[in-house]
């Protein structure tokens, strides 16, 4: 569900007022701006490789996943 939220200014800071069902259950959040879109992204914790691999392991991906995918070998390039 999409919500419209209020933005308030307090001194040099901007405050976002979240609806009750979108509030964070922690004291701090991480914020970053997507370099391509300019969107501001908030999260309870930043992503890391450990959590990524835990997620992949929890998905029970079959060993033959994408085994029928036809990948062409890249031609060797002369570096110099």
PDB file of N, CA and C in Angstrom:
ATOM      1  N   UNK A   1       0.840  -1.177   0.000  1.00  0.00           N
ATOM      2  CA  UNK A   1       0.000   0.000   0.000  1.00  0.00           C
ATOM      3  C   UNK A   1       0.886   1.242   0.000  1.00  0.00           C
ATOM      4  N   UNK A   2       0.549   2.196  -0.791  1.00  0.00           N
ATOM      5  CA  UNK A   2       1.320   3.414  -0.904  1.00  0.00           C
ATOM      6  C   UNK A   2       0.728   4.487   0.010  1.00  0.00           C
ATOM      7  N   UNK A   3       1.602   5.225   0.684  1.00  0.00           N
ATOM      8  CA  UNK A   3       1.178   6.309   1.566  1.00  0.00           C
ATOM      9  C   UNK A   3       1.832   7.615   1.130  1.00  0.00           C
ATOM     10  N   UNK A   4       1.175   8.703   1.387  1.00  0.00           N
ATOM     11  CA  UNK A   4       1.790  10.017   1.263  1.00  0.00           C
ATOM     12  C   UNK A   4       2.120  10.465   2.676  1.00  0.00           C
ATOM     13  N   UNK A   5       3.339  10.936   2.883  1.00  0.00           N
ATOM     14  CA  UNK A   5       3.757  11.325   4.228  1.00  0.00           C
ATOM     15  C   UNK A   5       4.058  12.811   4.276  1.00  0.00           C
ATOM     16  N   UNK A   6       4.079  13.343   5.469  1.00  0.00           N
ATOM     17  CA  UNK A   6       4.376  14.758   5.677  1.00  0.00           C
ATOM     18  C   UNK A   6       5.873  14.955   5.870  1.00  0.00           C
ATOM     19  N   UNK A   7       6.395  16.023   5.339  1.00  0.00           N
ATOM     20  CA  UNK A   7       7.781  16.420   5.541  1.00  0.00           C
ATOM     21  C   UNK A   7       7.775  17.715   6.332  1.00  0.00           C
ATOM     22  N   UNK A   8       8.545  17.755   7.404  1.00  0.00           N
ATOM     23  CA  UNK A   8       8.648  18.945   8.239  1.00  0.00           C
ATOM     24  C   UNK A   8      10.104  19.395   8.261  1.00  0.00           C
ATOM     25  N   UNK A   9      10.325  20.680   8.476  1.00  0.00           N
ATOM     26  CA  UNK A   9      11.678  21.194   8.586  1.00  0.00           C
ATOM     27  C   UNK A   9      11.882  21.696  10.005  1.00  0.00           C
ATOM     28  N   UNK A  10      12.968  21.218  10.633  1.00  0.00           N
ATOM     29  CA  UNK A  10      13.355  21.662  11.975  1.00  0.00           C
ATOM     30  C   UNK A  10      14.782  22.152  11.878  1.00  0.00           C
ATOM     31  N   UNK A  11      14.954  23.452  11.862  1.00  0.00           N
ATOM     32  CA  UNK A  11      16.286  24.014  11.693  1.00  0.00           C
ATOM     33  C   UNK A  11      16.830  23.640  10.329  1.00  0.00           C
ATOM     34  N   UNK A  12      17.993  22.994  10.329  1.00  0.00           N
ATOM     35  CA  UNK A  12      18.601  22.585   9.061  1.00  0.00           C
ATOM     36  C   UNK A  12      18.287  21.126   8.716  1.00  0.00           C
ATOM     37  N   UNK A  13      17.419  20.485   9.504  1.00  0.00           N
ATOM     38  CA  UNK A  13      17.086  19.085   9.261  1.00  0.00           C
ATOM     39  C   UNK A  13      15.674  18.936   8.724  1.00  0.00           C
ATOM     40  N   UNK A  14      15.455  17.870   7.996  1.00  0.00           N
ATOM     41  CA  UNK A  14      14.135  17.557   7.473  1.00  0.00           C
ATOM     42  C   UNK A  14      13.629  16.316   8.207  1.00  0.00           C
ATOM     43  N   UNK A  15      12.361  16.334   8.604  1.00  0.00           N
ATOM     44  CA  UNK A  15      11.761  15.243   9.352  1.00  0.00           C
ATOM     45  C   UNK A  15      10.654  14.622   8.506  1.00  0.00           C
ATOM     46  N   UNK A  16      10.632  13.287   8.468  1.00  0.00           N
ATOM     47  CA  UNK A  16       9.586  12.559   7.752  1.00  0.00           C
ATOM     48  C   UNK A  16       8.645  11.968   8.792  1.00  0.00           C
ATOM     49  N   UNK A  17       7.350  12.199   8.638  1.00  0.00           N
ATOM     50  CA  UNK A  17       6.356  11.658   9.558  1.00  0.00           C
ATOM     51  C   UNK A  17       5.738  10.420   8.912  1.00  0.00           C
ATOM     52  N   UNK A  18       6.040   9.245   9.480  1.00  0.00           N
ATOM     53  CA  UNK A  18       5.563   7.984   8.931  1.00  0.00           C
ATOM     54  C   UNK A  18       4.193   7.612   9.494  1.00  0.00           C
ATOM     55  N   UNK A  19       3.343   6.989   8.687  1.00  0.00           N
ATOM     56  CA  UNK A  19       2.104   6.431   9.233  1.00  0.00           C
ATOM     57  C   UNK A  19       2.452   5.257  10.156  1.00  0.00           C
ATOM     58  N   UNK A  20       1.548   4.910  11.056  1.00  0.00           N
ATOM     59  CA  UNK A  20       1.820   3.889  12.070  1.00  0.00           C
ATOM     60  C   UNK A  20       2.286   2.564  11.471  1.00  0.00           C
ATOM     61  N   UNK A  21       1.708   2.122  10.372  1.00  0.00           N
ATOM     62  CA  UNK A  21       2.078   0.818   9.820  1.00  0.00           C
ATOM     63  C   UNK A  21       3.393   0.830   9.046  1.00  0.00           C
ATOM     64  N   UNK A  22       4.037   1.977   8.949  1.00  0.00           N
ATOM     65  CA  UNK A  22       5.329   2.070   8.255  1.00  0.00           C
ATOM     66  C   UNK A  22       6.465   2.455   9.203  1.00  0.00           C
ATOM     67  N   UNK A  23       6.198   2.539  10.481  1.00  0.00           N
ATOM     68  CA  UNK A  23       7.229   2.966  11.432  1.00  0.00           C
ATOM     69  C   UNK A  23       8.281   1.889  11.614  1.00  0.00           C
ATOM     70  N   UNK A  24       9.496   2.341  11.903  1.00  0.00           N
ATOM     71  CA  UNK A  24      10.602   1.436  12.174  1.00  0.00           C
ATOM     72  C   UNK A  24      10.545   1.001  13.630  1.00  0.00           C
ATOM     73  N   UNK A  25      11.005  -0.217  13.917  1.00  0.00           N
ATOM     74  CA  UNK A  25      11.021  -0.732  15.284  1.00  0.00           C
ATOM     75  C   UNK A  25      12.436  -0.689  15.866  1.00  0.00           C
ATOM     76  N   UNK A  26      13.176   0.371  15.543  1.00  0.00           N
ATOM     77  CA  UNK A  26      14.552   0.522  16.011  1.00  0.00           C
ATOM     78  C   UNK A  26      14.834   2.002  16.241  1.00  0.00           C
ATOM     79  N   UNK A  27      16.021   2.283  16.786  1.00  0.00           N
ATOM     80  CA  UNK A  27      16.391   3.669  17.102  1.00  0.00           C
ATOM     81  C   UNK A  27      17.093   4.382  15.961  1.00  0.00           C
ATOM     82  N   UNK A  28      17.684   3.623  15.052  1.00  0.00           N
ATOM     83  CA  UNK A  28      18.407   4.203  13.929  1.00  0.00           C
ATOM     84  C   UNK A  28      18.048   3.478  12.647  1.00  0.00           C
ATOM     85  N   UNK A  29      18.136   4.180  11.530  1.00  0.00           N
ATOM     86  CA  UNK A  29      17.980   3.562  10.218  1.00  0.00           C
ATOM     87  C   UNK A  29      19.125   4.037   9.336  1.00  0.00           C
ATOM     88  N   UNK A  30      19.387   3.272   8.305  1.00  0.00           N
ATOM     89  CA  UNK A  30      20.412   3.634   7.338  1.00  0.00           C
ATOM     90  C   UNK A  30      19.729   4.329   6.165  1.00  0.00           C
ATOM     91  N   UNK A  31      20.390   5.322   5.635  1.00  0.00           N
ATOM     92  CA  UNK A  31      19.827   6.066   4.514  1.00  0.00           C
ATOM     93  C   UNK A  31      20.884   6.187   3.424  1.00  0.00           C
ATOM     94  N   UNK A  32      20.430   6.052   2.187  1.00  0.00           N
ATOM     95  CA  UNK A  32      21.330   6.269   1.052  1.00  0.00           C
ATOM     96  C   UNK A  32      20.510   6.776  -0.120  1.00  0.00           C
ATOM     97  N   UNK A  33      21.172   7.402  -1.053  1.00  0.00           N
ATOM     98  CA  UNK A  33      20.511   7.882  -2.258  1.00  0.00           C
ATOM     99  C   UNK A  33      20.980   7.028  -3.424  1.00  0.00           C
ATOM    100  N   UNK A  34      20.052   6.495  -4.172  1.00  0.00           N
ATOM    101  CA  UNK A  34      20.388   5.691  -5.337  1.00  0.00           C
ATOM    102  C   UNK A  34      21.023   6.604  -6.377  1.00  0.00           C
ATOM    103  N   UNK A  35      22.251   6.300  -6.814  1.00  0.00           N
ATOM    104  CA  UNK A  35      22.933   7.203  -7.743  1.00  0.00           C
ATOM    105  C   UNK A  35      22.269   7.314  -9.111  1.00  0.00           C
ATOM    106  N   UNK A  36      21.547   6.276  -9.531  1.00  0.00           N
ATOM    107  CA  UNK A  36      20.912   6.320 -10.846  1.00  0.00           C
ATOM    108  C   UNK A  36      19.581   7.059 -10.828  1.00  0.00           C
ATOM    109  N   UNK A  37      18.759   6.779  -9.817  1.00  0.00           N
ATOM    110  CA  UNK A  37      17.406   7.342  -9.798  1.00  0.00           C
ATOM    111  C   UNK A  37      17.275   8.574  -8.915  1.00  0.00           C
ATOM    112  N   UNK A  38      18.194   8.726  -7.950  1.00  0.00           N
ATOM    113  CA  UNK A  38      18.089   9.821  -7.003  1.00  0.00           C
ATOM    114  C   UNK A  38      17.138   9.518  -5.855  1.00  0.00           C
ATOM    115  N   UNK A  39      16.511   8.325  -5.865  1.00  0.00           N
ATOM    116  CA  UNK A  39      15.592   7.951  -4.793  1.00  0.00           C
ATOM    117  C   UNK A  39      16.344   7.807  -3.477  1.00  0.00           C
ATOM    118  N   UNK A  40      15.688   8.187  -2.387  1.00  0.00           N
ATOM    119  CA  UNK A  40      16.240   8.007  -1.053  1.00  0.00           C
ATOM    120  C   UNK A  40      15.716   6.678  -0.521  1.00  0.00           C
ATOM    121  N   UNK A  41      16.621   5.847  -0.013  1.00  0.00           N
ATOM    122  CA  UNK A  41      16.270   4.511   0.447  1.00  0.00           C
ATOM    123  C   UNK A  41      16.602   4.387   1.927  1.00  0.00           C
ATOM    124  N   UNK A  42      15.613   3.992   2.712  1.00  0.00           N
ATOM    125  CA  UNK A  42      15.800   3.786   4.146  1.00  0.00           C
ATOM    126  C   UNK A  42      15.737   2.292   4.436  1.00  0.00           C
ATOM    127  N   UNK A  43      16.558   1.833   5.374  1.00  0.00           N
ATOM    128  CA  UNK A  43      16.494   0.435   5.789  1.00  0.00           C
ATOM    129  C   UNK A  43      16.936   0.304   7.235  1.00  0.00           C
ATOM    130  N   UNK A  44      16.474  -0.763   7.880  1.00  0.00           N
ATOM    131  CA  UNK A  44      16.873  -1.010   9.265  1.00  0.00           C
ATOM    132  C   UNK A  44      18.337  -1.368   9.356  1.00  0.00           C
ATOM    133  N   UNK A  45      18.843  -2.040   8.360  1.00  0.00           N
ATOM    134  CA  UNK A  45      20.261  -2.401   8.354  1.00  0.00           C
ATOM    135  C   UNK A  45      20.740  -2.450   6.907  1.00  0.00           C
ATOM    136  N   UNK A  46      21.990  -2.128   6.690  1.00  0.00           N
ATOM    137  CA  UNK A  46      22.487  -2.184   5.321  1.00  0.00           C
ATOM    138  C   UNK A  46      22.678  -3.626   4.883  1.00  0.00           C
ATOM    139  N   UNK A  47      22.592  -3.861   3.600  1.00  0.00           N
ATOM    140  CA  UNK A  47      22.838  -5.197   3.081  1.00  0.00           C
ATOM    141  C   UNK A  47      24.318  -5.538   3.189  1.00  0.00           C
ATOM    142  N   UNK A  48      24.605  -6.810   3.328  1.00  0.00           N
ATOM    143  CA  UNK A  48      25.993  -7.255   3.337  1.00  0.00           C
ATOM    144  C   UNK A  48      26.053  -8.636   2.685  1.00  0.00           C
ATOM    145  N   UNK A  49      27.242  -9.083   2.382  1.00  0.00           N
ATOM    146  CA  UNK A  49      27.385 -10.353   1.672  1.00  0.00           C
ATOM    147  C   UNK A  49      26.931 -11.523   2.526  1.00  0.00           C
ATOM    148  N   UNK A  50      27.170 -11.471   3.841  1.00  0.00           N
ATOM    149  CA  UNK A  50      26.750 -12.584   4.703  1.00  0.00           C
ATOM    150  C   UNK A  50      25.240 -12.783   4.638  1.00  0.00           C
ATOM    151  N   UNK A  51      24.481 -11.680   4.736  1.00  0.00           N
ATOM    152  CA  UNK A  51      23.022 -11.817   4.687  1.00  0.00           C
ATOM    153  C   UNK A  51      22.565 -12.260   3.293  1.00  0.00           C
ATOM    154  N   UNK A  52      23.285 -11.839   2.253  1.00  0.00           N
ATOM    155  CA  UNK A  52      22.948 -12.270   0.902  1.00  0.00           C
ATOM    156  C   UNK A  52      23.096 -13.790   0.766  1.00  0.00           C
ATOM    157  N   UNK A  53      24.240 -14.326   1.218  1.00  0.00           N
ATOM    158  CA  UNK A  53      24.462 -15.763   1.089  1.00  0.00           C
ATOM    159  C   UNK A  53      23.538 -16.569   1.991  1.00  0.00           C
ATOM    160  N   UNK A  54      23.176 -16.030   3.150  1.00  0.00           N
ATOM    161  CA  UNK A  54      22.185 -16.693   4.004  1.00  0.00           C
ATOM    162  C   UNK A  54      20.849 -16.786   3.269  1.00  0.00           C
ATOM    163  N   UNK A  55      20.479 -15.719   2.595  1.00  0.00           N
ATOM    164  CA  UNK A  55      19.237 -15.718   1.834  1.00  0.00           C
ATOM    165  C   UNK A  55      19.298 -16.752   0.707  1.00  0.00           C
ATOM    166  N   UNK A  56      20.385 -16.769  -0.034  1.00  0.00           N
ATOM    167  CA  UNK A  56      20.531 -17.728  -1.131  1.00  0.00           C
ATOM    168  C   UNK A  56      20.443 -19.158  -0.599  1.00  0.00           C
ATOM    169  N   UNK A  57      21.116 -19.423   0.529  1.00  0.00           N
ATOM    170  CA  UNK A  57      21.074 -20.772   1.114  1.00  0.00           C
ATOM    171  C   UNK A  57      19.662 -21.148   1.558  1.00  0.00           C
ATOM    172  N   UNK A  58      18.898 -20.180   2.029  1.00  0.00           N
ATOM    173  CA  UNK A  58      17.546 -20.470   2.522  1.00  0.00           C
ATOM    174  C   UNK A  58      16.561 -20.746   1.386  1.00  0.00           C
ATOM    175  N   UNK A  59      16.904 -20.401   0.161  1.00  0.00           N
ATOM    176  CA  UNK A  59      15.988 -20.559  -0.966  1.00  0.00           C
ATOM    177  C   UNK A  59      15.990 -21.959  -1.562  1.00  0.00           C
ATOM    178  N   UNK A  60      16.930 -22.793  -1.166  1.00  0.00           N
ATOM    179  CA  UNK A  60      17.018 -24.161  -1.687  1.00  0.00           C
ATOM    180  C   UNK A  60      17.034 -24.192  -3.217  1.00  0.00           C
ATOM    181  N   UNK A  61      17.951 -23.465  -3.791  1.00  0.00           N
ATOM    182  CA  UNK A  61      18.087 -23.413  -5.248  1.00  0.00           C
ATOM    183  C   UNK A  61      18.694 -24.727  -5.723  1.00  0.00           C
ATOM    184  N   UNK A  62      18.077 -25.374  -6.699  1.00  0.00           N
ATOM    185  CA  UNK A  62      18.605 -26.664  -7.174  1.00  0.00           C
ATOM    186  C   UNK A  62      20.017 -26.520  -7.743  1.00  0.00           C
ATOM    187  N   UNK A  63      20.802 -27.594  -7.583  1.00  0.00           N
ATOM    188  CA  UNK A  63      22.185 -27.575  -8.083  1.00  0.00           C
ATOM    189  C   UNK A  63      22.249 -27.370  -9.587  1.00  0.00           C
ATOM    190  N   UNK A  64      21.229 -27.821 -10.309  1.00  0.00           N
ATOM    191  CA  UNK A  64      21.246 -27.693 -11.768  1.00  0.00           C
ATOM    192  C   UNK A  64      20.556 -26.415 -12.253  1.00  0.00           C
ATOM    193  N   UNK A  65      20.344 -25.468 -11.369  1.00  0.00           N
ATOM    194  CA  UNK A  65      19.711 -24.206 -11.749  1.00  0.00           C
ATOM    195  C   UNK A  65      20.509 -23.555 -12.878  1.00  0.00           C
ATOM    196  N   UNK A  66      19.836 -23.243 -13.951  1.00  0.00           N
ATOM    197  CA  UNK A  66      20.401 -22.602 -15.140  1.00  0.00           C
ATOM    198  C   UNK A  66      21.448 -23.454 -15.847  1.00  0.00           C
ATOM    199  N   UNK A  67      21.461 -24.764 -15.595  1.00  0.00           N
ATOM    200  CA  UNK A  67      22.446 -25.609 -16.268  1.00  0.00           C
ATOM    201  C   UNK A  67      22.187 -25.692 -17.767  1.00  0.00           C
ATOM    202  N   UNK A  68      20.948 -25.430 -18.166  1.00  0.00           N
ATOM    203  CA  UNK A  68      20.648 -25.470 -19.597  1.00  0.00           C
ATOM    204  C   UNK A  68      20.832 -24.110 -20.268  1.00  0.00           C
ATOM    205  N   UNK A  69      21.325 -23.141 -19.508  1.00  0.00           N
ATOM    206  CA  UNK A  69      21.552 -21.802 -20.043  1.00  0.00           C
ATOM    207  C   UNK A  69      22.773 -21.838 -20.956  1.00  0.00           C
ATOM    208  N   UNK A  70      22.596 -21.401 -22.178  1.00  0.00           N
ATOM    209  CA  UNK A  70      23.667 -21.451 -23.168  1.00  0.00           C
ATOM    210  C   UNK A  70      24.526 -20.198 -23.060  1.00  0.00           C
ATOM    211  N   UNK A  71      25.674 -20.321 -22.397  1.00  0.00           N
ATOM    212  CA  UNK A  71      26.595 -19.195 -22.305  1.00  0.00           C
ATOM    213  C   UNK A  71      27.710 -19.398 -23.307  1.00  0.00           C
ATOM    214  N   UNK A  72      27.882 -18.428 -24.129  1.00  0.00           N
ATOM    215  CA  UNK A  72      28.943 -18.508 -25.122  1.00  0.00           C
ATOM    216  C   UNK A  72      30.265 -18.100 -24.461  1.00  0.00           C
ATOM    217  N   UNK A  73      31.308 -18.797 -24.850  1.00  0.00           N
ATOM    218  CA  UNK A  73      32.613 -18.453 -24.305  1.00  0.00           C
ATOM    219  C   UNK A  73      33.066 -17.114 -24.860  1.00  0.00           C
ATOM    220  N   UNK A  74      33.668 -16.321 -23.995  1.00  0.00           N
ATOM    221  CA  UNK A  74      34.169 -15.024 -24.430  1.00  0.00           C
ATOM    222  C   UNK A  74      35.485 -15.208 -25.167  1.00  0.00           C
ATOM    223  N   UNK A  75      35.638 -14.506 -26.260  1.00  0.00           N
ATOM    224  CA  UNK A  75      36.919 -14.615 -26.980  1.00  0.00           C
ATOM    225  C   UNK A  75      38.035 -13.970 -26.163  1.00  0.00           C
ATOM    226  N   UNK A  76      39.222 -14.528 -26.290  1.00  0.00           N
ATOM    227  CA  UNK A  76      40.359 -13.964 -25.582  1.00  0.00           C
ATOM    228  C   UNK A  76      40.704 -12.605 -26.166  1.00  0.00           C
ATOM    229  N   UNK A  77      41.053 -11.679 -25.281  1.00  0.00           N
ATOM    230  CA  UNK A  77      41.419 -10.340 -25.730  1.00  0.00           C
ATOM    231  C   UNK A  77      42.897 -10.105 -25.458  1.00  0.00           C
ATOM    232  N   UNK A  78      43.519  -9.409 -26.365  1.00  0.00           N
ATOM    233  CA  UNK A  78      44.904  -9.010 -26.130  1.00  0.00           C
ATOM    234  C   UNK A  78      44.886  -7.756 -25.269  1.00  0.00           C
ATOM    235  N   UNK A  79      45.531  -7.812 -24.121  1.00  0.00           N
ATOM    236  CA  UNK A  79      45.529  -6.664 -23.222  1.00  0.00           C
ATOM    237  C   UNK A  79      46.436  -5.542 -23.722  1.00  0.00           C
ATOM    238  N   UNK A  80      47.539  -5.915 -24.324  1.00  0.00           N
ATOM    239  CA  UNK A  80      48.463  -4.883 -24.781  1.00  0.00           C
ATOM    240  C   UNK A  80      48.923  -5.147 -26.182  1.00  0.00           C
TER     241      UNK A  80
END
